[in-house]
Amino acid sequence: MDAESTFVIPRERGGQVILEKMTAKEMIGELAEDFFLNQNDIEYIISKIPKALSSWQNLLGSLILFTRCQSSKVPPVSYKLFCQKLKAKGYIVNLKTISRAAIRLKKRGIYPIYCPVSTISLFETYLPFIKRELELDDEVIEETKKILQAAREKDIDIGKNPVSLIFSALYISAILCGKHRTQPEVARVGGISEVTIRKNYKELAEKLGLPRVV
């Protein structure tokens, strides 16, 4: 696929569904700010799609795989959060559409396999996104790092989804620092469920001897 490949994309505008013609470069460029992409990232995402798989759905599949591959420097994105961001831009997509596109590309070996990193390293990657979406200051960030470090030292993070652990620790930290954010707010930004937040923060509070928060 090249940057000038053109697609007709169904989008919602003012409560109506329209068909909008966009090039691959325009489409990814429109999403660049949401996913912290630079010009090189945009060109790379487009170039990874073979001509035989040229479609706007596969272009989105390439974008989410890029956020989750080893070589990427942008925050990894969950499929749920990815779809939320696309819908906010008017794209008519669902989890099944995106996951199928990503699977097609993964089967071709187009991207390096995602290799999980430590929760602290991953948290550092998420920082620009977290600060922008939740408007949290350095005090909360430092408190979150302390909780994640303590969780690692006690092996609490073993077998846990690192993204879930990060946002659960963030939820506790915000309350402990007097900068309360609600469970729905934190869950939305993390692309996880409120149930996951509650389950993880209760375990963290219990095993680390932290105050139980609500």
C-alpha atoms as a PDB file:
ATOM      1  CA  MET A   1       0.000   0.000   0.000  1.00  0.00           C
ATOM      2  CA  ASP A   2       1.205   3.516  -0.677  1.00  0.00           C
ATOM      3  CA  ALA A   3       0.311   6.840   0.938  1.00  0.00           C
ATOM      4  CA  GLU A   4      -2.014   7.856  -1.906  1.00  0.00           C
ATOM      5  CA  SER A   5      -4.100   4.663  -1.863  1.00  0.00           C
ATOM      6  CA  THR A   6      -7.722   5.843  -1.699  1.00  0.00           C
ATOM      7  CA  PHE A   7     -10.638   4.322   0.193  1.00  0.00           C
ATOM      8  CA  VAL A   8     -14.341   5.046   0.557  1.00  0.00           C
ATOM      9  CA  ILE A   9     -15.038   4.938   4.287  1.00  0.00           C
ATOM     10  CA  PRO A  10     -18.443   4.973   6.039  1.00  0.00           C
ATOM     11  CA  ARG A  11     -18.458   7.629   8.773  1.00  0.00           C
ATOM     12  CA  GLU A  12     -21.009   9.224  11.035  1.00  0.00           C
ATOM     13  CA  ARG A  13     -21.425  12.980  10.664  1.00  0.00           C
ATOM     14  CA  GLY A  14     -24.145  14.905  12.473  1.00  0.00           C
ATOM     15  CA  GLY A  15     -26.150  11.767  13.163  1.00  0.00           C
ATOM     16  CA  GLN A  16     -26.011  10.627   9.536  1.00  0.00           C
ATOM     17  CA  VAL A  17     -23.866   7.992   7.856  1.00  0.00           C
ATOM     18  CA  ILE A  18     -21.898   9.286   4.871  1.00  0.00           C
ATOM     19  CA  LEU A  19     -19.291   7.784   2.561  1.00  0.00           C
ATOM     20  CA  GLU A  20     -16.054   9.730   2.698  1.00  0.00           C
ATOM     21  CA  LYS A  21     -13.153   9.352   0.281  1.00  0.00           C
ATOM     22  CA  MET A  22      -9.737   9.474   1.988  1.00  0.00           C
ATOM     23  CA  THR A  23      -6.176   8.525   1.141  1.00  0.00           C
ATOM     24  CA  ALA A  24      -4.206   6.262   3.470  1.00  0.00           C
ATOM     25  CA  LYS A  25      -2.009   9.212   4.450  1.00  0.00           C
ATOM     26  CA  GLU A  26      -5.029  11.395   5.266  1.00  0.00           C
ATOM     27  CA  MET A  27      -6.649   8.652   7.307  1.00  0.00           C
ATOM     28  CA  ILE A  28      -3.640   7.861   9.509  1.00  0.00           C
ATOM     29  CA  GLY A  29      -2.675  11.532   9.615  1.00  0.00           C
ATOM     30  CA  GLU A  30      -6.072  12.361  11.103  1.00  0.00           C
ATOM     31  CA  LEU A  31      -5.408   9.867  13.912  1.00  0.00           C
ATOM     32  CA  ALA A  32      -1.771  10.870  14.499  1.00  0.00           C
ATOM     33  CA  GLU A  33      -2.393  13.124  17.497  1.00  0.00           C
ATOM     34  CA  ASP A  34      -4.562  10.539  19.283  1.00  0.00           C
ATOM     35  CA  PHE A  35      -1.849   7.888  19.019  1.00  0.00           C
ATOM     36  CA  PHE A  36       1.273  10.091  19.307  1.00  0.00           C
ATOM     37  CA  LEU A  37       2.475   9.350  15.772  1.00  0.00           C
ATOM     38  CA  ASN A  38       5.140  11.291  13.911  1.00  0.00           C
ATOM     39  CA  GLN A  39       5.574  11.460  10.129  1.00  0.00           C
ATOM     40  CA  ASN A  40       7.934   8.475  10.055  1.00  0.00           C
ATOM     41  CA  ASP A  41       5.420   6.406  12.037  1.00  0.00           C
ATOM     42  CA  ILE A  42       2.643   7.278   9.571  1.00  0.00           C
ATOM     43  CA  GLU A  43       4.743   6.233   6.574  1.00  0.00           C
ATOM     44  CA  TYR A  44       5.836   3.024   8.311  1.00  0.00           C
ATOM     45  CA  ILE A  45       2.275   1.989   9.218  1.00  0.00           C
ATOM     46  CA  ILE A  46       1.114   2.453   5.622  1.00  0.00           C
ATOM     47  CA  SER A  47       4.132   0.742   4.079  1.00  0.00           C
ATOM     48  CA  LYS A  48       3.674  -2.452   6.130  1.00  0.00           C
ATOM     49  CA  ILE A  49       0.476  -3.438   4.289  1.00  0.00           C
ATOM     50  CA  PRO A  50       0.961  -5.621   1.186  1.00  0.00           C
ATOM     51  CA  LYS A  51      -0.855  -4.453  -1.937  1.00  0.00           C
ATOM     52  CA  ALA A  52      -3.001  -7.609  -1.833  1.00  0.00           C
ATOM     53  CA  LEU A  53      -4.337  -6.557   1.601  1.00  0.00           C
ATOM     54  CA  SER A  54      -4.972  -2.922   0.716  1.00  0.00           C
ATOM     55  CA  SER A  55      -8.109  -1.786   2.582  1.00  0.00           C
ATOM     56  CA  TRP A  56      -9.012   0.826   5.174  1.00  0.00           C
ATOM     57  CA  GLN A  57      -9.822  -1.929   7.699  1.00  0.00           C
ATOM     58  CA  ASN A  58      -6.327  -3.404   7.319  1.00  0.00           C
ATOM     59  CA  LEU A  59      -4.858   0.081   7.596  1.00  0.00           C
ATOM     60  CA  LEU A  60      -6.464   0.380  11.035  1.00  0.00           C
ATOM     61  CA  GLY A  61      -5.225  -3.123  11.859  1.00  0.00           C
ATOM     62  CA  SER A  62      -1.719  -1.971  10.951  1.00  0.00           C
ATOM     63  CA  LEU A  63      -2.088   1.043  13.233  1.00  0.00           C
ATOM     64  CA  ILE A  64      -3.055  -0.939  16.339  1.00  0.00           C
ATOM     65  CA  LEU A  65      -0.340  -3.536  15.723  1.00  0.00           C
ATOM     66  CA  PHE A  66       2.192  -0.715  15.432  1.00  0.00           C
ATOM     67  CA  THR A  67       1.262   0.549  18.904  1.00  0.00           C
ATOM     68  CA  ARG A  68       1.815  -2.943  20.306  1.00  0.00           C
ATOM     69  CA  CYS A  69       5.046  -4.043  18.596  1.00  0.00           C
ATOM     70  CA  GLN A  70       8.491  -4.066  20.195  1.00  0.00           C
ATOM     71  CA  SER A  71      10.007  -1.365  18.034  1.00  0.00           C
ATOM     72  CA  SER A  72       7.215   1.155  18.569  1.00  0.00           C
ATOM     73  CA  LYS A  73       7.770   4.114  20.915  1.00  0.00           C
ATOM     74  CA  VAL A  74       4.080   4.998  21.265  1.00  0.00           C
ATOM     75  CA  PRO A  75       1.819   3.795  24.108  1.00  0.00           C
ATOM     76  CA  PRO A  76       0.331   0.311  23.551  1.00  0.00           C
ATOM     77  CA  VAL A  77      -3.418   0.562  23.001  1.00  0.00           C
ATOM     78  CA  SER A  78      -6.104  -1.957  23.937  1.00  0.00           C
ATOM     79  CA  TYR A  79      -8.579  -2.936  21.213  1.00  0.00           C
ATOM     80  CA  LYS A  80     -11.428  -1.475  23.261  1.00  0.00           C
ATOM     81  CA  LEU A  81      -9.754   1.926  23.695  1.00  0.00           C
ATOM     82  CA  PHE A  82      -8.691   1.885  20.051  1.00  0.00           C
ATOM     83  CA  CYS A  83     -12.310   1.486  18.921  1.00  0.00           C
ATOM     84  CA  GLN A  84     -13.447   4.224  21.314  1.00  0.00           C
ATOM     85  CA  LYS A  85     -10.993   6.663  19.782  1.00  0.00           C
ATOM     86  CA  LEU A  86     -12.029   5.737  16.243  1.00  0.00           C
ATOM     87  CA  LYS A  87     -15.731   6.123  17.023  1.00  0.00           C
ATOM     88  CA  ALA A  88     -15.023   9.561  18.504  1.00  0.00           C
ATOM     89  CA  LYS A  89     -13.720  10.491  15.039  1.00  0.00           C
ATOM     90  CA  GLY A  90     -16.869   9.190  13.363  1.00  0.00           C
ATOM     91  CA  TYR A  91     -15.505   5.864  12.135  1.00  0.00           C
ATOM     92  CA  ILE A  92     -18.056   3.063  12.079  1.00  0.00           C
ATOM     93  CA  VAL A  93     -16.026   0.165  13.477  1.00  0.00           C
ATOM     94  CA  ASN A  94     -16.261  -2.553  16.108  1.00  0.00           C
ATOM     95  CA  LEU A  95     -13.880  -4.848  17.967  1.00  0.00           C
ATOM     96  CA  LYS A  96     -14.481  -7.710  15.548  1.00  0.00           C
ATOM     97  CA  THR A  97     -13.549  -5.622  12.497  1.00  0.00           C
ATOM     98  CA  ILE A  98     -10.293  -4.407  14.050  1.00  0.00           C
ATOM     99  CA  SER A  99      -9.264  -7.749  15.548  1.00  0.00           C
ATOM    100  CA  ARG A 100      -9.852  -9.594  12.262  1.00  0.00           C
ATOM    101  CA  ALA A 101      -7.724  -7.056  10.394  1.00  0.00           C
ATOM    102  CA  ALA A 102      -4.948  -7.344  12.976  1.00  0.00           C
ATOM    103  CA  ILE A 103      -5.052 -11.157  12.798  1.00  0.00           C
ATOM    104  CA  ARG A 104      -4.754 -11.059   9.006  1.00  0.00           C
ATOM    105  CA  LEU A 105      -1.625  -8.938   9.272  1.00  0.00           C
ATOM    106  CA  LYS A 106      -0.114 -10.910  12.145  1.00  0.00           C
ATOM    107  CA  LYS A 107      -0.451 -14.130  10.152  1.00  0.00           C
ATOM    108  CA  ARG A 108       1.717 -12.539   7.469  1.00  0.00           C
ATOM    109  CA  GLY A 109       4.424 -11.850  10.077  1.00  0.00           C
ATOM    110  CA  ILE A 110       4.302  -8.162   9.207  1.00  0.00           C
ATOM    111  CA  TYR A 111       5.089  -6.856  12.696  1.00  0.00           C
ATOM    112  CA  PRO A 112       7.548  -8.082  15.344  1.00  0.00           C
ATOM    113  CA  ILE A 113       5.775 -10.068  18.061  1.00  0.00           C
ATOM    114  CA  TYR A 114       4.850  -7.843  20.968  1.00  0.00           C
ATOM    115  CA  CYS A 115       7.110  -8.525  23.926  1.00  0.00           C
ATOM    116  CA  PRO A 116       5.705  -7.530  27.325  1.00  0.00           C
ATOM    117  CA  VAL A 117       7.898  -5.159  29.316  1.00  0.00           C
ATOM    118  CA  SER A 118       7.893  -4.352  33.002  1.00  0.00           C
ATOM    119  CA  THR A 119       4.884  -2.432  34.299  1.00  0.00           C
ATOM    120  CA  ILE A 120       7.130   0.501  35.219  1.00  0.00           C
ATOM    121  CA  SER A 121       8.664   0.717  31.726  1.00  0.00           C
ATOM    122  CA  LEU A 122       5.221   0.471  30.189  1.00  0.00           C
ATOM    123  CA  PHE A 123       3.934   3.153  32.563  1.00  0.00           C
ATOM    124  CA  GLU A 124       6.708   5.490  31.382  1.00  0.00           C
ATOM    125  CA  THR A 125       5.533   4.916  27.808  1.00  0.00           C
ATOM    126  CA  TYR A 126       1.960   5.766  28.774  1.00  0.00           C
ATOM    127  CA  LEU A 127       2.847   8.989  30.650  1.00  0.00           C
ATOM    128  CA  PRO A 128       2.109  11.592  27.926  1.00  0.00           C
ATOM    129  CA  PHE A 129      -1.225   9.921  27.231  1.00  0.00           C
ATOM    130  CA  ILE A 130      -2.134   9.639  30.937  1.00  0.00           C
ATOM    131  CA  LYS A 131      -1.231  13.244  31.727  1.00  0.00           C
ATOM    132  CA  ARG A 132      -3.290  14.494  28.816  1.00  0.00           C
ATOM    133  CA  GLU A 133      -6.359  12.356  29.393  1.00  0.00           C
ATOM    134  CA  LEU A 134      -6.558  12.429  33.213  1.00  0.00           C
ATOM    135  CA  GLU A 135      -4.750  15.730  33.906  1.00  0.00           C
ATOM    136  CA  LEU A 136      -2.688  14.293  36.754  1.00  0.00           C
ATOM    137  CA  ASP A 137       0.383  15.977  38.228  1.00  0.00           C
ATOM    138  CA  ASP A 138       3.863  14.668  39.072  1.00  0.00           C
ATOM    139  CA  GLU A 139       2.900  13.814  42.657  1.00  0.00           C
ATOM    140  CA  VAL A 140       0.383  11.222  41.454  1.00  0.00           C
ATOM    141  CA  ILE A 141       2.818   9.912  38.842  1.00  0.00           C
ATOM    142  CA  GLU A 142       5.567   9.366  41.426  1.00  0.00           C
ATOM    143  CA  GLU A 143       3.150   7.682  43.840  1.00  0.00           C
ATOM    144  CA  THR A 144       2.027   5.340  41.052  1.00  0.00           C
ATOM    145  CA  LYS A 145       5.639   4.401  40.302  1.00  0.00           C
ATOM    146  CA  LYS A 146       6.190   3.562  43.983  1.00  0.00           C
ATOM    147  CA  ILE A 147       3.130   1.295  44.016  1.00  0.00           C
ATOM    148  CA  LEU A 148       4.175  -0.447  40.789  1.00  0.00           C
ATOM    149  CA  GLN A 149       7.715  -0.937  42.128  1.00  0.00           C
ATOM    150  CA  ALA A 150       6.391  -2.373  45.392  1.00  0.00           C
ATOM    151  CA  ALA A 151       4.052  -4.674  43.448  1.00  0.00           C
ATOM    152  CA  ARG A 152       6.991  -5.935  41.425  1.00  0.00           C
ATOM    153  CA  GLU A 153       9.142  -6.550  44.496  1.00  0.00           C
ATOM    154  CA  LYS A 154       6.350  -8.647  46.019  1.00  0.00           C
ATOM    155  CA  ASP A 155       5.697 -10.474  42.701  1.00  0.00           C
ATOM    156  CA  ILE A 156       2.130  -9.154  42.596  1.00  0.00           C
ATOM    157  CA  ASP A 157       2.561  -8.328  38.913  1.00  0.00           C
ATOM    158  CA  ILE A 158       3.308 -11.923  37.883  1.00  0.00           C
ATOM    159  CA  GLY A 159       0.595 -13.183  35.554  1.00  0.00           C
ATOM    160  CA  LYS A 160      -1.229  -9.853  35.636  1.00  0.00           C
ATOM    161  CA  ASN A 161      -2.197  -7.730  32.648  1.00  0.00           C
ATOM    162  CA  PRO A 162       0.318  -4.839  32.978  1.00  0.00           C
ATOM    163  CA  VAL A 163      -2.120  -2.271  31.611  1.00  0.00           C
ATOM    164  CA  SER A 164      -4.764  -3.266  34.184  1.00  0.00           C
ATOM    165  CA  LEU A 165      -2.197  -3.083  36.977  1.00  0.00           C
ATOM    166  CA  ILE A 166      -0.959   0.348  35.858  1.00  0.00           C
ATOM    167  CA  PHE A 167      -4.368   1.971  35.781  1.00  0.00           C
ATOM    168  CA  SER A 168      -5.433   0.339  39.047  1.00  0.00           C
ATOM    169  CA  ALA A 169      -2.292   1.711  40.727  1.00  0.00           C
ATOM    170  CA  LEU A 170      -3.001   5.073  39.138  1.00  0.00           C
ATOM    171  CA  TYR A 171      -6.534   5.057  40.560  1.00  0.00           C
ATOM    172  CA  ILE A 172      -5.213   4.426  44.088  1.00  0.00           C
ATOM    173  CA  SER A 173      -2.439   7.009  43.748  1.00  0.00           C
ATOM    174  CA  ALA A 174      -4.790   9.748  42.618  1.00  0.00           C
ATOM    175  CA  ILE A 175      -6.969   9.229  45.699  1.00  0.00           C
ATOM    176  CA  LEU A 176      -4.020   8.994  48.109  1.00  0.00           C
ATOM    177  CA  CYS A 177      -2.702  12.291  46.718  1.00  0.00           C
ATOM    178  CA  GLY A 178      -6.080  14.006  46.964  1.00  0.00           C
ATOM    179  CA  LYS A 179      -6.517  14.133  43.164  1.00  0.00           C
ATOM    180  CA  HIS A 180      -9.440  11.706  42.952  1.00  0.00           C
ATOM    181  CA  ARG A 181     -10.450  10.304  39.587  1.00  0.00           C
ATOM    182  CA  THR A 182     -13.488   8.050  39.343  1.00  0.00           C
ATOM    183  CA  GLN A 183     -13.312   4.387  38.359  1.00  0.00           C
ATOM    184  CA  PRO A 184     -15.249   5.042  35.119  1.00  0.00           C
ATOM    185  CA  GLU A 185     -12.778   7.829  34.188  1.00  0.00           C
ATOM    186  CA  VAL A 186      -9.698   5.682  34.778  1.00  0.00           C
ATOM    187  CA  ALA A 187     -11.254   2.597  33.153  1.00  0.00           C
ATOM    188  CA  ARG A 188     -12.169   4.592  30.032  1.00  0.00           C
ATOM    189  CA  VAL A 189      -8.658   5.953  29.572  1.00  0.00           C
ATOM    190  CA  GLY A 190      -7.083   2.563  30.212  1.00  0.00           C
ATOM    191  CA  GLY A 191      -9.483   0.764  27.906  1.00  0.00           C
ATOM    192  CA  ILE A 192     -10.364  -1.690  30.687  1.00  0.00           C
ATOM    193  CA  SER A 193     -13.483  -2.368  32.763  1.00  0.00           C
ATOM    194  CA  GLU A 194     -14.425  -0.862  36.122  1.00  0.00           C
ATOM    195  CA  VAL A 195     -14.597  -4.411  37.484  1.00  0.00           C
ATOM    196  CA  THR A 196     -10.925  -4.871  36.585  1.00  0.00           C
ATOM    197  CA  ILE A 197     -10.025  -1.628  38.369  1.00  0.00           C
ATOM    198  CA  ARG A 198     -11.874  -2.717  41.525  1.00  0.00           C
ATOM    199  CA  LYS A 199     -10.388  -6.209  41.527  1.00  0.00           C
ATOM    200  CA  ASN A 200      -6.814  -5.020  41.080  1.00  0.00           C
ATOM    201  CA  TYR A 201      -6.848  -2.055  43.435  1.00  0.00           C
ATOM    202  CA  LYS A 202      -8.299  -4.204  46.238  1.00  0.00           C
ATOM    203  CA  GLU A 203      -5.507  -6.736  45.779  1.00  0.00           C
ATOM    204  CA  LEU A 204      -2.854  -4.007  45.658  1.00  0.00           C
ATOM    205  CA  ALA A 205      -4.248  -2.321  48.787  1.00  0.00           C
ATOM    206  CA  GLU A 206      -4.378  -5.612  50.684  1.00  0.00           C
ATOM    207  CA  LYS A 207      -0.949  -6.972  49.728  1.00  0.00           C
ATOM    208  CA  LEU A 208       0.887  -3.638  49.972  1.00  0.00           C
ATOM    209  CA  GLY A 209      -0.820  -2.461  53.149  1.00  0.00           C
ATOM    210  CA  LEU A 210      -2.350   0.586  51.500  1.00  0.00           C
ATOM    211  CA  PRO A 211      -5.544   2.303  52.708  1.00  0.00           C
ATOM    212  CA  ARG A 212      -8.674   0.794  51.148  1.00  0.00           C
ATOM    213  CA  VAL A 213     -10.115   3.376  48.792  1.00  0.00           C
ATOM    214  CA  VAL A 214     -13.585   3.609  47.270  1.00  0.00           C
END
